[in-house]
Amino acid sequence: MAAGGGAARRCWRSGAGLARAVRGVCGSGRVAAALRAEELAERLRKSEEQQREIPKDPTQRWLRELAALSQQLQQVHPNVLAKILKERTVYQNEEIVVIDKPYGLPVHGGPGIKNCIADVLPILAKMLENMKADPLHLCHRLDKETTGVMVLARSKEAAEKIRLLFKTRQVEKIYWAIVLGDPDPVEGVVEIPIVEKEVRSHQSHYKMTLAPNYRLCPEDGKVMKIRKNRNAESAVTRYRRLAGASACSLLELQPITGVKHQIRVHLAYGLGCPILGDHKYSHWSKLAPQKLPELTLKRLKLEQSKARHLPLHLHAHRLCLPLGQPLDFVCKPPLFFQKTLRKLELDIPKD
């Protein structure tokens, strides 16, 4: 009995020791977990502070401000967006309203788009006229990243009349673009049909591209006519160089036709001069940030790794609308465009 009791006591003691050891291990585990959680929280806090921190470098600062502006336009209440567009009204009469379209605002809605110009046209009409005003109507479109002159109509009849003017190529449209490289020749016409094609890669996607009716014969270098792509649309763009510096050029562009992404495709694939900040059309088979020349990076004070933040530098500068008497509208390039011109030492032409 005594022997049994001693064994029981030894067993109890060893069990109690094991329990104390387990509690110690568990306790140290909890402490370690708490320390890890605290360390993680500290890292998150520092990360958030870094995101909120205003970059000291001016270039990084204006790139972040531009990205923030684009996000804000998607987050504001429709009434606020309509007020912004009202403040950017450059002309209005009984038939039309002309606005200076801001960067990063889509004209039409779509997946992931909360705010667009089309959705706030009824509110804008009331702000410009009165609460009984009919909604304004779209007459043409600009890409989300394109800035500048945009015409709206006060009635369906006026909208149809203006759309017909665009369709019959009676509206003169002048764009400005900062492009990489120097077009050769410095002035001319790009007349190559455009078609939409699927890009087969590890990230399959669709792009507009050239569909030429001619090609060079590999044997003798002569021009050969080839079968026309029945899905391709005729596309014609006039261009001329206004200034050149820092491995870039400022071009004046006049699209005669109105094919989707026409200017961007003609410049990138037709002239080999993609628009600064056009990451979509700077490559064909991949989705990647635009590769910039060393001199351009130096003048912009930008690292190649940050090039993905560069905005598209395409601006609808002037529009001439033949409504009775010709109406001529001009919008200055946005501030980010003007800053880039100064950094690249591209002189703005005097109108």
Protein backbone atom coordinates (compact mmCIF):
# COMPACT_ATOMS: atom_id res chain seq x y z
CA MET A 1 0.00 0.00 0.00
CA ALA A 2 2.81 2.34 0.93
CA ALA A 3 4.66 1.46 -2.21
CA GLY A 4 1.53 2.10 -4.23
CA GLY A 5 1.01 5.45 -2.52
CA GLY A 6 4.60 6.50 -3.28
CA ALA A 7 4.14 5.64 -6.93
CA ALA A 8 0.91 7.59 -7.02
CA ARG A 9 2.60 10.59 -5.44
CA ARG A 10 5.48 10.36 -7.94
CA CYS A 11 2.97 10.08 -10.74
CA TRP A 12 1.02 13.08 -9.41
CA ARG A 13 4.22 15.08 -9.07
CA SER A 14 5.31 14.25 -12.62
CA GLY A 15 1.78 15.03 -13.87
CA ALA A 16 1.77 18.34 -12.04
CA GLY A 17 5.21 19.14 -13.47
CA LEU A 18 3.99 18.30 -16.96
CA ALA A 19 0.94 20.50 -16.46
CA ARG A 20 3.17 23.34 -15.28
CA ALA A 21 5.40 22.80 -18.32
CA VAL A 22 2.40 22.77 -20.64
CA ARG A 23 1.08 25.94 -19.02
CA GLY A 24 4.52 27.50 -19.44
CA VAL A 25 4.70 26.55 -23.08
CA CYS A 26 1.14 27.71 -23.72
CA GLY A 27 1.81 30.91 -21.85
CA SER A 28 4.96 31.60 -23.85
CA GLY A 29 3.00 30.73 -27.02
CA ARG A 30 0.33 33.27 -26.15
CA VAL A 31 2.99 35.88 -25.43
CA ALA A 32 4.71 35.14 -28.72
CA ALA A 33 1.40 35.32 -30.59
CA ALA A 34 0.59 38.61 -28.89
CA LEU A 35 4.01 39.97 -29.85
CA ARG A 36 3.53 38.86 -33.45
CA ALA A 37 0.11 40.49 -33.58
CA GLU A 38 1.52 43.70 -32.11
CA GLU A 39 4.39 43.64 -34.62
CA LEU A 40 1.94 43.10 -37.49
CA ALA A 41 -0.26 45.97 -36.28
CA GLU A 42 2.80 48.23 -36.11
CA ARG A 43 3.79 47.30 -39.66
CA LEU A 44 0.27 48.03 -40.91
CA ARG A 45 0.26 51.36 -39.11
CA LYS A 46 3.60 52.34 -40.68
CA SER A 47 2.38 51.23 -44.10
CA GLU A 48 -0.76 53.38 -43.79
CA GLU A 49 1.35 56.34 -42.66
CA GLN A 50 3.61 55.90 -45.67
CA GLN A 51 0.58 55.83 -47.96
CA ARG A 52 -0.79 59.00 -46.37
CA GLU A 53 2.61 60.67 -46.36
CA ILE A 54 2.98 63.33 -49.05
CA PRO A 55 5.99 62.51 -51.26
CA LYS A 56 8.78 65.08 -51.10
CA ASP A 57 9.60 64.65 -54.78
CA PRO A 58 7.38 67.02 -56.83
CA THR A 59 6.95 64.53 -59.68
CA GLN A 60 5.79 61.77 -57.34
CA ARG A 61 3.51 64.27 -55.63
CA TRP A 62 1.67 65.38 -58.78
CA LEU A 63 1.36 61.79 -60.02
CA ARG A 64 -0.26 60.82 -56.71
CA GLU A 65 -2.52 63.89 -56.78
CA LEU A 66 -3.70 62.97 -60.28
CA ALA A 67 -4.43 59.36 -59.29
CA ALA A 68 -6.30 60.63 -56.21
CA LEU A 69 -8.36 63.03 -58.34
CA SER A 70 -9.43 60.21 -60.65
CA GLN A 71 -10.45 58.09 -57.64
CA GLN A 72 -12.32 60.99 -56.06
CA LEU A 73 -14.40 61.51 -59.20
CA GLN A 74 -15.57 57.90 -58.82
CA GLN A 75 -16.39 58.32 -55.13
CA VAL A 76 -18.19 61.67 -55.00
CA HIS A 77 -21.97 62.04 -54.95
CA PRO A 78 -23.50 62.54 -58.44
CA ASN A 79 -24.60 66.05 -57.41
CA VAL A 80 -20.99 66.95 -56.59
CA LEU A 81 -19.80 65.57 -59.94
CA ALA A 82 -22.47 67.57 -61.77
CA LYS A 83 -21.31 70.70 -59.94
CA ILE A 84 -17.70 70.01 -61.02
CA LEU A 85 -18.83 69.75 -64.65
CA LYS A 86 -20.90 72.93 -64.28
CA GLU A 87 -17.78 74.78 -63.13
CA ARG A 88 -15.97 73.42 -66.20
CA THR A 89 -18.58 74.75 -68.63
CA VAL A 90 -16.86 76.88 -71.28
CA TYR A 91 -19.86 77.79 -73.45
CA GLN A 92 -23.63 77.38 -73.64
CA ASN A 93 -26.54 78.59 -75.76
CA GLU A 94 -30.10 77.41 -76.42
CA GLU A 95 -28.86 74.31 -78.30
CA ILE A 96 -25.58 73.18 -76.77
CA VAL A 97 -23.38 73.09 -73.66
CA VAL A 98 -19.60 72.76 -74.03
CA ILE A 99 -17.52 71.43 -71.13
CA ASP A 100 -13.81 70.94 -70.47
CA LYS A 101 -13.76 67.22 -69.65
CA PRO A 102 -11.50 66.34 -66.69
CA TYR A 103 -8.97 63.52 -66.66
CA GLY A 104 -10.04 60.07 -65.46
CA LEU A 105 -13.80 60.52 -65.89
CA PRO A 106 -15.54 58.03 -68.22
CA VAL A 107 -18.28 59.22 -70.56
CA HIS A 108 -20.28 55.97 -70.31
CA GLY A 109 -20.84 53.52 -67.46
CA GLY A 110 -19.51 49.96 -67.29
CA PRO A 111 -18.14 47.30 -64.92
CA GLY A 112 -16.50 48.90 -61.88
CA ILE A 113 -17.58 52.42 -62.88
CA LYS A 114 -19.64 54.26 -60.26
CA ASN A 115 -19.74 57.73 -61.83
CA CYS A 116 -19.78 58.76 -65.48
CA ILE A 117 -20.80 61.84 -67.46
CA ALA A 118 -23.88 60.17 -68.99
CA ASP A 119 -25.39 59.47 -65.55
CA VAL A 120 -25.20 63.07 -64.29
CA LEU A 121 -26.55 64.82 -67.42
CA PRO A 122 -30.07 65.26 -65.93
CA ILE A 123 -28.59 66.87 -62.78
CA LEU A 124 -26.22 69.07 -64.79
CA ALA A 125 -29.10 70.32 -66.96
CA LYS A 126 -31.04 71.41 -63.87
CA MET A 127 -27.99 73.14 -62.40
CA LEU A 128 -27.38 75.06 -65.64
CA GLU A 129 -31.02 76.00 -66.29
CA ASN A 130 -33.77 75.14 -63.80
CA MET A 131 -35.44 72.19 -62.11
CA LYS A 132 -37.75 71.63 -65.10
CA ALA A 133 -34.92 71.39 -67.61
CA ASP A 134 -34.77 68.29 -69.83
CA PRO A 135 -31.64 66.11 -69.50
CA LEU A 136 -28.65 66.98 -71.64
CA HIS A 137 -27.62 64.55 -74.43
CA LEU A 138 -24.25 63.13 -75.48
CA CYS A 139 -23.15 64.01 -79.03
CA HIS A 140 -19.75 62.27 -79.16
CA ARG A 141 -17.33 60.51 -76.83
CA LEU A 142 -13.86 60.95 -75.40
CA ASP A 143 -11.81 58.21 -73.72
CA LYS A 144 -11.76 58.16 -69.93
CA GLU A 145 -8.16 59.45 -69.82
CA THR A 146 -8.62 62.08 -72.55
CA THR A 147 -9.21 65.68 -71.46
CA GLY A 148 -10.63 68.74 -73.21
CA VAL A 149 -13.49 70.00 -75.38
CA MET A 150 -16.72 68.01 -75.21
CA VAL A 151 -20.10 69.03 -76.67
CA LEU A 152 -23.48 68.23 -75.08
CA ALA A 153 -26.90 68.97 -76.56
CA ARG A 154 -29.95 70.42 -74.79
CA SER A 155 -32.46 68.41 -76.87
CA LYS A 156 -32.71 65.14 -78.82
CA GLU A 157 -33.12 67.08 -82.05
CA ALA A 158 -29.95 69.10 -81.46
CA ALA A 159 -28.06 65.93 -80.46
CA GLU A 160 -29.10 64.13 -83.66
CA LYS A 161 -28.10 67.13 -85.77
CA ILE A 162 -24.64 67.33 -84.12
CA ARG A 163 -24.09 63.55 -84.34
CA LEU A 164 -24.80 63.79 -88.07
CA LEU A 165 -22.18 66.56 -88.36
CA PHE A 166 -19.64 64.26 -86.69
CA LYS A 167 -20.67 61.30 -88.86
CA THR A 168 -20.37 63.28 -92.09
CA ARG A 169 -16.97 64.65 -90.99
CA GLN A 170 -18.05 68.29 -90.87
CA VAL A 171 -16.70 68.84 -87.34
CA GLU A 172 -13.06 69.88 -87.17
CA LYS A 173 -11.32 68.29 -84.17
CA ILE A 174 -7.79 69.20 -83.08
CA TYR A 175 -5.93 67.23 -80.40
CA TRP A 176 -2.58 67.72 -78.73
CA ALA A 177 -0.46 64.76 -77.66
CA ILE A 178 2.96 64.35 -76.12
CA VAL A 179 4.56 61.31 -77.75
CA LEU A 180 7.76 59.31 -77.41
CA GLY A 181 10.21 59.80 -80.25
CA ASP A 182 10.11 61.94 -83.35
CA PRO A 183 7.69 61.20 -86.22
CA ASP A 184 9.24 60.72 -89.65
CA PRO A 185 8.21 62.72 -91.59
CA VAL A 186 7.41 65.47 -89.09
CA GLU A 187 4.10 66.23 -90.84
CA GLY A 188 1.78 63.97 -92.80
CA VAL A 189 -1.29 61.75 -92.93
CA VAL A 190 -1.72 58.25 -91.51
CA GLU A 191 -4.34 56.41 -93.55
CA ILE A 192 -4.47 52.81 -92.35
CA PRO A 193 -7.67 50.87 -91.48
CA ILE A 194 -8.15 49.76 -87.86
CA VAL A 195 -9.66 46.54 -86.49
CA GLU A 196 -10.15 45.04 -83.03
CA LYS A 197 -8.22 41.82 -82.38
CA GLU A 198 -7.68 39.43 -79.50
CA VAL A 199 -4.15 39.44 -78.12
CA ARG A 200 -3.27 35.85 -77.30
CA SER A 201 -0.85 35.80 -74.37
CA HIS A 202 -0.77 34.70 -70.73
CA GLN A 203 -3.18 37.62 -70.18
CA SER A 204 -5.52 37.42 -73.19
CA HIS A 205 -7.23 40.73 -73.98
CA TYR A 206 -8.57 42.78 -76.90
CA LYS A 207 -6.91 45.75 -78.61
CA MET A 208 -7.45 47.90 -81.65
CA THR A 209 -4.70 47.46 -84.23
CA LEU A 210 -3.77 48.27 -87.82
CA ALA A 211 -5.26 46.32 -90.72
CA PRO A 212 -3.30 47.64 -93.74
CA ASN A 213 -4.39 46.94 -97.31
CA TYR A 214 -0.76 46.78 -98.48
CA ARG A 215 2.47 45.11 -97.39
CA LEU A 216 6.08 44.99 -98.55
CA CYS A 217 7.11 41.97 -100.60
CA PRO A 218 9.98 40.26 -98.71
CA GLU A 219 11.76 39.31 -101.95
CA ASP A 220 12.05 42.67 -103.71
CA GLY A 221 10.65 45.19 -101.21
CA LYS A 222 7.85 46.27 -103.55
CA VAL A 223 4.44 47.29 -102.21
CA MET A 224 1.80 44.57 -102.65
CA LYS A 225 -1.94 44.92 -102.23
CA ILE A 226 -3.48 42.34 -99.88
CA ARG A 227 -7.03 41.22 -99.17
CA LYS A 228 -8.99 43.77 -97.15
CA ASN A 229 -10.13 42.78 -93.67
CA ARG A 230 -13.92 43.02 -93.83
CA ASN A 231 -14.12 43.91 -90.11
CA ALA A 232 -11.66 46.80 -90.41
CA GLU A 233 -12.81 50.43 -90.39
CA SER A 234 -11.32 53.17 -92.52
CA ALA A 235 -9.18 55.51 -90.39
CA VAL A 236 -7.41 58.74 -91.35
CA THR A 237 -5.35 61.00 -89.05
CA ARG A 238 -3.46 64.17 -90.00
CA TYR A 239 -0.54 65.12 -87.80
CA ARG A 240 2.25 67.69 -87.50
CA ARG A 241 5.01 68.19 -84.98
CA LEU A 242 4.79 71.39 -82.95
CA ALA A 243 7.90 70.88 -80.82
CA GLY A 244 10.57 68.29 -80.05
CA ALA A 245 12.91 67.78 -77.05
CA SER A 246 13.95 65.22 -74.42
CA ALA A 247 13.36 62.26 -76.80
CA CYS A 248 9.71 63.37 -77.05
CA SER A 249 7.51 65.45 -79.38
CA LEU A 250 4.40 67.57 -79.04
CA LEU A 251 2.05 66.75 -81.91
CA GLU A 252 -1.06 68.44 -83.26
CA LEU A 253 -3.52 65.83 -84.53
CA GLN A 254 -6.64 66.03 -86.64
CA PRO A 255 -8.63 62.80 -86.82
CA ILE A 256 -10.68 62.86 -90.03
CA THR A 257 -12.53 59.67 -89.08
CA GLY A 258 -13.72 58.62 -85.63
CA VAL A 259 -12.65 55.02 -85.02
CA LYS A 260 -12.21 53.79 -81.43
CA HIS A 261 -8.68 54.59 -80.13
CA GLN A 262 -7.76 55.84 -83.61
CA ILE A 263 -5.19 58.46 -82.59
CA ARG A 264 -3.51 56.14 -80.09
CA VAL A 265 -3.24 53.26 -82.60
CA HIS A 266 -2.06 55.40 -85.53
CA LEU A 267 0.63 57.04 -83.39
CA ALA A 268 1.86 53.86 -81.68
CA TYR A 269 1.68 51.34 -84.52
CA GLY A 270 1.60 53.62 -87.58
CA LEU A 271 4.29 56.17 -86.68
CA GLY A 272 6.06 54.24 -83.90
CA CYS A 273 5.48 57.18 -81.53
CA PRO A 274 3.19 56.04 -78.68
CA ILE A 275 1.54 58.71 -76.55
CA LEU A 276 3.30 59.39 -73.24
CA GLY A 277 1.42 57.42 -70.57
CA ASP A 278 -0.33 55.11 -73.06
CA HIS A 279 0.53 51.81 -71.39
CA LYS A 280 -2.11 49.92 -73.41
CA TYR A 281 -0.66 50.65 -76.86
CA SER A 282 3.05 50.81 -76.02
CA HIS A 283 3.24 47.02 -76.38
CA TRP A 284 1.24 44.57 -78.45
CA SER A 285 1.49 41.16 -76.82
CA LYS A 286 1.62 42.14 -73.15
CA LEU A 287 0.02 44.41 -70.57
CA ALA A 288 2.95 46.30 -69.07
CA PRO A 289 4.01 49.86 -68.15
CA GLN A 290 5.42 51.99 -70.94
CA LYS A 291 9.21 51.84 -71.36
CA LEU A 292 10.59 55.41 -71.38
CA PRO A 293 13.89 56.69 -72.83
CA GLU A 294 16.59 57.53 -70.27
CA LEU A 295 16.58 61.22 -71.23
CA THR A 296 12.80 61.43 -70.76
CA LEU A 297 13.03 59.78 -67.33
CA LYS A 298 15.81 62.19 -66.36
CA ARG A 299 13.85 65.29 -67.40
CA LEU A 300 10.70 64.04 -65.66
CA LYS A 301 12.79 63.09 -62.59
CA LEU A 302 11.10 59.72 -62.70
CA GLU A 303 12.26 56.13 -62.19
CA GLN A 304 11.21 53.52 -64.76
CA SER A 305 9.57 51.52 -61.96
CA LYS A 306 7.18 54.48 -61.41
CA ALA A 307 6.36 54.96 -65.12
CA ARG A 308 3.11 53.00 -64.70
CA HIS A 309 1.67 56.01 -62.82
CA LEU A 310 2.11 58.37 -65.79
CA PRO A 311 -1.25 59.57 -67.18
CA LEU A 312 -2.19 59.54 -70.85
CA HIS A 313 -1.08 62.85 -72.41
CA LEU A 314 -3.87 63.27 -74.98
CA HIS A 315 -5.95 66.46 -74.97
CA ALA A 316 -8.92 67.53 -77.12
CA HIS A 317 -7.60 71.06 -77.67
CA ARG A 318 -10.00 72.59 -80.18
CA LEU A 319 -13.33 71.84 -81.84
CA CYS A 320 -15.06 73.77 -84.63
CA LEU A 321 -18.79 73.11 -84.93
CA PRO A 322 -20.69 74.39 -88.01
CA LEU A 323 -24.04 75.17 -86.38
CA GLY A 324 -25.39 77.98 -88.57
CA GLN A 325 -22.26 80.03 -88.08
CA PRO A 326 -19.04 78.16 -87.16
CA LEU A 327 -18.51 77.90 -83.41
CA ASP A 328 -14.88 77.52 -82.35
CA PHE A 329 -14.05 76.15 -78.88
CA VAL A 330 -10.60 75.89 -77.30
CA CYS A 331 -9.58 74.33 -73.98
CA LYS A 332 -6.11 74.74 -72.52
CA PRO A 333 -4.30 71.51 -71.60
CA PRO A 334 -4.75 70.44 -67.96
CA LEU A 335 -2.10 71.37 -65.41
CA PHE A 336 -0.41 67.94 -65.46
CA PHE A 337 -0.02 68.22 -69.25
CA GLN A 338 1.45 71.72 -68.95
CA LYS A 339 3.87 70.59 -66.21
CA THR A 340 5.09 67.74 -68.44
CA LEU A 341 5.64 70.17 -71.32
CA ARG A 342 7.78 72.36 -69.06
CA LYS A 343 9.77 69.42 -67.65
CA LEU A 344 10.47 68.07 -71.14
CA GLU A 345 11.26 71.61 -72.41
CA LEU A 346 8.61 71.35 -75.10
CA ASP A 347 7.50 74.88 -75.95
CA ILE A 348 3.72 75.43 -75.96
CA PRO A 349 2.69 77.04 -79.27
CA LYS A 350 1.17 80.50 -79.01
CA ASP A 351 -2.39 80.43 -80.37
